[in-house]
């Protein structure tokens, strides 16, 4: 199981995500970024920030 807290990248955001693998987290985060943060396209640098903060849960 993998976990990620959006607030680790976007201060003040309280959303957290869990999935069986990194791809599952990234899919959820991309949808959240679009719906809640207005990012239709997630920049590669942001994807790398997310990847670096995904933890084993």
PDB file of N, CA and C in Angstrom:
ATOM      1  N   UNK A   1       0.850  -1.180   0.000  1.00  0.00           N
ATOM      2  CA  UNK A   1       0.000   0.000   0.000  1.00  0.00           C
ATOM      3  C   UNK A   1       0.893   1.239   0.000  1.00  0.00           C
ATOM      4  N   UNK A   2       0.521   2.233  -0.801  1.00  0.00           N
ATOM      5  CA  UNK A   2       1.227   3.509  -0.867  1.00  0.00           C
ATOM      6  C   UNK A   2       0.292   4.608  -0.384  1.00  0.00           C
ATOM      7  N   UNK A   3       0.866   5.654   0.212  1.00  0.00           N
ATOM      8  CA  UNK A   3       0.072   6.786   0.678  1.00  0.00           C
ATOM      9  C   UNK A   3       0.753   8.087   0.294  1.00  0.00           C
ATOM     10  N   UNK A   4      -0.062   9.141   0.123  1.00  0.00           N
ATOM     11  CA  UNK A   4       0.449  10.458  -0.215  1.00  0.00           C
ATOM     12  C   UNK A   4      -0.480  11.507   0.380  1.00  0.00           C
ATOM     13  N   UNK A   5       0.109  12.545   0.955  1.00  0.00           N
ATOM     14  CA  UNK A   5      -0.648  13.683   1.484  1.00  0.00           C
ATOM     15  C   UNK A   5      -0.379  14.891   0.592  1.00  0.00           C
ATOM     16  N   UNK A   6      -1.409  15.431  -0.018  1.00  0.00           N
ATOM     17  CA  UNK A   6      -1.252  16.569  -0.923  1.00  0.00           C
ATOM     18  C   UNK A   6      -0.592  17.757  -0.221  1.00  0.00           C
ATOM     19  N   UNK A   7      -0.886  17.935   1.057  1.00  0.00           N
ATOM     20  CA  UNK A   7      -0.312  19.035   1.807  1.00  0.00           C
ATOM     21  C   UNK A   7       1.208  18.998   1.874  1.00  0.00           C
ATOM     22  N   UNK A   8       1.816  17.849   1.574  1.00  0.00           N
ATOM     23  CA  UNK A   8       3.279  17.772   1.513  1.00  0.00           C
ATOM     24  C   UNK A   8       3.829  18.530   0.318  1.00  0.00           C
ATOM     25  N   UNK A   9       2.976  18.779  -0.676  1.00  0.00           N
ATOM     26  CA  UNK A   9       3.388  19.496  -1.885  1.00  0.00           C
ATOM     27  C   UNK A   9       2.658  20.831  -1.994  1.00  0.00           C
ATOM     28  N   UNK A  10       1.390  20.851  -1.629  1.00  0.00           N
ATOM     29  CA  UNK A  10       0.565  22.066  -1.691  1.00  0.00           C
ATOM     30  C   UNK A  10       0.167  22.435  -0.265  1.00  0.00           C
ATOM     31  N   UNK A  11       0.891  23.375   0.338  1.00  0.00           N
ATOM     32  CA  UNK A  11       0.582  23.752   1.723  1.00  0.00           C
ATOM     33  C   UNK A  11      -0.887  24.125   1.910  1.00  0.00           C
ATOM     34  N   UNK A  12      -1.466  23.589   2.971  1.00  0.00           N
ATOM     35  CA  UNK A  12      -2.853  23.890   3.294  1.00  0.00           C
ATOM     36  C   UNK A  12      -3.862  22.901   2.755  1.00  0.00           C
ATOM     37  N   UNK A  13      -3.455  22.027   1.838  1.00  0.00           N
ATOM     38  CA  UNK A  13      -4.384  21.027   1.308  1.00  0.00           C
ATOM     39  C   UNK A  13      -4.396  19.830   2.241  1.00  0.00           C
ATOM     40  N   UNK A  14      -5.581  19.398   2.640  1.00  0.00           N
ATOM     41  CA  UNK A  14      -5.724  18.300   3.586  1.00  0.00           C
ATOM     42  C   UNK A  14      -6.019  16.951   2.975  1.00  0.00           C
ATOM     43  N   UNK A  15      -6.068  16.859   1.641  1.00  0.00           N
ATOM     44  CA  UNK A  15      -6.403  15.575   0.995  1.00  0.00           C
ATOM     45  C   UNK A  15      -5.279  14.574   1.120  1.00  0.00           C
ATOM     46  N   UNK A  16      -5.640  13.338   1.356  1.00  0.00           N
ATOM     47  CA  UNK A  16      -4.683  12.244   1.367  1.00  0.00           C
ATOM     48  C   UNK A  16      -5.175  11.158   0.419  1.00  0.00           C
ATOM     49  N   UNK A  17      -4.261  10.356  -0.050  1.00  0.00           N
ATOM     50  CA  UNK A  17      -4.576   9.325  -1.033  1.00  0.00           C
ATOM     51  C   UNK A  17      -3.878   8.038  -0.646  1.00  0.00           C
ATOM     52  N   UNK A  18      -4.501   6.922  -0.977  1.00  0.00           N
ATOM     53  CA  UNK A  18      -3.870   5.626  -0.786  1.00  0.00           C
ATOM     54  C   UNK A  18      -4.229   4.743  -1.976  1.00  0.00           C
ATOM     55  N   UNK A  19      -3.281   3.888  -2.328  1.00  0.00           N
ATOM     56  CA  UNK A  19      -3.475   2.972  -3.453  1.00  0.00           C
ATOM     57  C   UNK A  19      -2.472   1.839  -3.322  1.00  0.00           C
ATOM     58  N   UNK A  20      -2.683   0.814  -4.099  1.00  0.00           N
ATOM     59  CA  UNK A  20      -1.803  -0.347  -4.057  1.00  0.00           C
ATOM     60  C   UNK A  20      -0.413  -0.029  -4.579  1.00  0.00           C
ATOM     61  N   UNK A  21      -0.314   0.936  -5.506  1.00  0.00           N
ATOM     62  CA  UNK A  21       0.982   1.252  -6.097  1.00  0.00           C
ATOM     63  C   UNK A  21       1.065   2.736  -6.454  1.00  0.00           C
ATOM     64  N   UNK A  22       2.246   3.141  -6.896  1.00  0.00           N
ATOM     65  CA  UNK A  22       2.502   4.537  -7.232  1.00  0.00           C
ATOM     66  C   UNK A  22       1.580   5.030  -8.350  1.00  0.00           C
ATOM     67  N   UNK A  23       1.348   4.203  -9.359  1.00  0.00           N
ATOM     68  CA  UNK A  23       0.475   4.603 -10.462  1.00  0.00           C
ATOM     69  C   UNK A  23      -0.929   4.924  -9.969  1.00  0.00           C
ATOM     70  N   UNK A  24      -1.422   4.155  -9.018  1.00  0.00           N
ATOM     71  CA  UNK A  24      -2.738   4.420  -8.452  1.00  0.00           C
ATOM     72  C   UNK A  24      -2.794   5.762  -7.744  1.00  0.00           C
ATOM     73  N   UNK A  25      -1.727   6.086  -7.016  1.00  0.00           N
ATOM     74  CA  UNK A  25      -1.643   7.394  -6.355  1.00  0.00           C
ATOM     75  C   UNK A  25      -1.629   8.497  -7.396  1.00  0.00           C
ATOM     76  N   UNK A  26      -0.782   8.359  -8.421  1.00  0.00           N
ATOM     77  CA  UNK A  26      -0.653   9.413  -9.425  1.00  0.00           C
ATOM     78  C   UNK A  26      -1.957   9.648 -10.181  1.00  0.00           C
ATOM     79  N   UNK A  27      -2.713   8.600 -10.427  1.00  0.00           N
ATOM     80  CA  UNK A  27      -4.011   8.748 -11.096  1.00  0.00           C
ATOM     81  C   UNK A  27      -4.967   9.568 -10.233  1.00  0.00           C
ATOM     82  N   UNK A  28      -5.019   9.244  -8.941  1.00  0.00           N
ATOM     83  CA  UNK A  28      -5.891   9.990  -8.026  1.00  0.00           C
ATOM     84  C   UNK A  28      -5.443  11.441  -7.880  1.00  0.00           C
ATOM     85  N   UNK A  29      -4.138  11.636  -7.781  1.00  0.00           N
ATOM     86  CA  UNK A  29      -3.597  12.984  -7.591  1.00  0.00           C
ATOM     87  C   UNK A  29      -3.862  13.848  -8.823  1.00  0.00           C
ATOM     88  N   UNK A  30      -3.744  13.278 -10.014  1.00  0.00           N
ATOM     89  CA  UNK A  30      -4.006  14.037 -11.241  1.00  0.00           C
ATOM     90  C   UNK A  30      -5.457  14.515 -11.275  1.00  0.00           C
ATOM     91  N   UNK A  31      -6.395  13.649 -10.907  1.00  0.00           N
ATOM     92  CA  UNK A  31      -7.806  14.039 -10.872  1.00  0.00           C
ATOM     93  C   UNK A  31      -8.040  15.113  -9.816  1.00  0.00           C
ATOM     94  N   UNK A  32      -7.418  14.969  -8.651  1.00  0.00           N
ATOM     95  CA  UNK A  32      -7.541  15.953  -7.578  1.00  0.00           C
ATOM     96  C   UNK A  32      -6.941  17.296  -8.000  1.00  0.00           C
ATOM     97  N   UNK A  33      -5.782  17.254  -8.645  1.00  0.00           N
ATOM     98  CA  UNK A  33      -5.123  18.492  -9.089  1.00  0.00           C
ATOM     99  C   UNK A  33      -6.016  19.263 -10.048  1.00  0.00           C
ATOM    100  N   UNK A  34      -6.684  18.552 -10.937  1.00  0.00           N
ATOM    101  CA  UNK A  34      -7.582  19.211 -11.894  1.00  0.00           C
ATOM    102  C   UNK A  34      -8.830  19.752 -11.211  1.00  0.00           C
ATOM    103  N   UNK A  35      -9.469  18.926 -10.389  1.00  0.00           N
ATOM    104  CA  UNK A  35     -10.741  19.302  -9.776  1.00  0.00           C
ATOM    105  C   UNK A  35     -10.596  20.349  -8.679  1.00  0.00           C
ATOM    106  N   UNK A  36      -9.553  20.231  -7.868  1.00  0.00           N
ATOM    107  CA  UNK A  36      -9.452  21.076  -6.675  1.00  0.00           C
ATOM    108  C   UNK A  36      -8.387  22.168  -6.748  1.00  0.00           C
ATOM    109  N   UNK A  37      -7.417  21.986  -7.650  1.00  0.00           N
ATOM    110  CA  UNK A  37      -6.345  22.980  -7.741  1.00  0.00           C
ATOM    111  C   UNK A  37      -6.279  23.653  -9.110  1.00  0.00           C
ATOM    112  N   UNK A  38      -7.190  23.289 -10.031  1.00  0.00           N
ATOM    113  CA  UNK A  38      -7.260  23.937 -11.333  1.00  0.00           C
ATOM    114  C   UNK A  38      -6.122  23.601 -12.283  1.00  0.00           C
ATOM    115  N   UNK A  39      -5.456  22.483 -12.066  1.00  0.00           N
ATOM    116  CA  UNK A  39      -4.349  22.092 -12.942  1.00  0.00           C
ATOM    117  C   UNK A  39      -4.824  21.038 -13.937  1.00  0.00           C
ATOM    118  N   UNK A  40      -5.113  21.470 -15.162  1.00  0.00           N
ATOM    119  CA  UNK A  40      -5.546  20.527 -16.191  1.00  0.00           C
ATOM    120  C   UNK A  40      -4.395  19.601 -16.579  1.00  0.00           C
ATOM    121  N   UNK A  41      -3.194  20.150 -16.623  1.00  0.00           N
ATOM    122  CA  UNK A  41      -1.991  19.369 -16.911  1.00  0.00           C
ATOM    123  C   UNK A  41      -1.048  19.504 -15.724  1.00  0.00           C
ATOM    124  N   UNK A  42      -0.627  18.382 -15.182  1.00  0.00           N
ATOM    125  CA  UNK A  42       0.290  18.403 -14.044  1.00  0.00           C
ATOM    126  C   UNK A  42       1.717  18.459 -14.596  1.00  0.00           C
ATOM    127  N   UNK A  43       2.453  19.536 -14.282  1.00  0.00           N
ATOM    128  CA  UNK A  43       3.817  19.661 -14.800  1.00  0.00           C
ATOM    129  C   UNK A  43       4.719  18.529 -14.308  1.00  0.00           C
ATOM    130  N   UNK A  44       5.662  18.105 -15.140  1.00  0.00           N
ATOM    131  CA  UNK A  44       6.575  17.017 -14.758  1.00  0.00           C
ATOM    132  C   UNK A  44       7.295  17.275 -13.431  1.00  0.00           C
ATOM    133  N   UNK A  45       7.661  18.507 -13.152  1.00  0.00           N
ATOM    134  CA  UNK A  45       8.353  18.812 -11.892  1.00  0.00           C
ATOM    135  C   UNK A  45       7.452  18.524 -10.696  1.00  0.00           C
ATOM    136  N   UNK A  46       6.159  18.796 -10.833  1.00  0.00           N
ATOM    137  CA  UNK A  46       5.211  18.520  -9.757  1.00  0.00           C
ATOM    138  C   UNK A  46       5.023  17.011  -9.584  1.00  0.00           C
ATOM    139  N   UNK A  47       4.984  16.289 -10.694  1.00  0.00           N
ATOM    140  CA  UNK A  47       4.878  14.827 -10.627  1.00  0.00           C
ATOM    141  C   UNK A  47       6.067  14.265  -9.844  1.00  0.00           C
ATOM    142  N   UNK A  48       7.258  14.786 -10.100  1.00  0.00           N
ATOM    143  CA  UNK A  48       8.444  14.315  -9.387  1.00  0.00           C
ATOM    144  C   UNK A  48       8.371  14.653  -7.899  1.00  0.00           C
ATOM    145  N   UNK A  49       7.823  15.828  -7.555  1.00  0.00           N
ATOM    146  CA  UNK A  49       7.643  16.177  -6.141  1.00  0.00           C
ATOM    147  C   UNK A  49       6.705  15.177  -5.470  1.00  0.00           C
ATOM    148  N   UNK A  50       5.611  14.857  -6.164  1.00  0.00           N
ATOM    149  CA  UNK A  50       4.653  13.888  -5.621  1.00  0.00           C
ATOM    150  C   UNK A  50       5.332  12.538  -5.443  1.00  0.00           C
ATOM    151  N   UNK A  51       6.018  12.068  -6.485  1.00  0.00           N
ATOM    152  CA  UNK A  51       6.699  10.761  -6.419  1.00  0.00           C
ATOM    153  C   UNK A  51       7.652  10.689  -5.228  1.00  0.00           C
ATOM    154  N   UNK A  52       8.357  11.776  -4.982  1.00  0.00           N
ATOM    155  CA  UNK A  52       9.358  11.764  -3.916  1.00  0.00           C
ATOM    156  C   UNK A  52       8.730  11.742  -2.520  1.00  0.00           C
ATOM    157  N   UNK A  53       7.419  12.012  -2.449  1.00  0.00           N
ATOM    158  CA  UNK A  53       6.746  12.060  -1.146  1.00  0.00           C
ATOM    159  C   UNK A  53       5.729  10.943  -0.942  1.00  0.00           C
ATOM    160  N   UNK A  54       5.662  10.022  -1.891  1.00  0.00           N
ATOM    161  CA  UNK A  54       4.801   8.850  -1.724  1.00  0.00           C
ATOM    162  C   UNK A  54       5.495   7.897  -0.757  1.00  0.00           C
ATOM    163  N   UNK A  55       4.757   7.478   0.256  1.00  0.00           N
ATOM    164  CA  UNK A  55       5.303   6.624   1.309  1.00  0.00           C
ATOM    165  C   UNK A  55       4.624   5.261   1.307  1.00  0.00           C
ATOM    166  N   UNK A  56       5.319   4.289   1.819  1.00  0.00           N
ATOM    167  CA  UNK A  56       4.710   2.972   2.023  1.00  0.00           C
ATOM    168  C   UNK A  56       3.783   3.097   3.232  1.00  0.00           C
ATOM    169  N   UNK A  57       2.583   2.576   3.093  1.00  0.00           N
ATOM    170  CA  UNK A  57       1.620   2.714   4.169  1.00  0.00           C
ATOM    171  C   UNK A  57       1.281   1.438   4.853  1.00  0.00           C
TER     172      UNK A  57
END
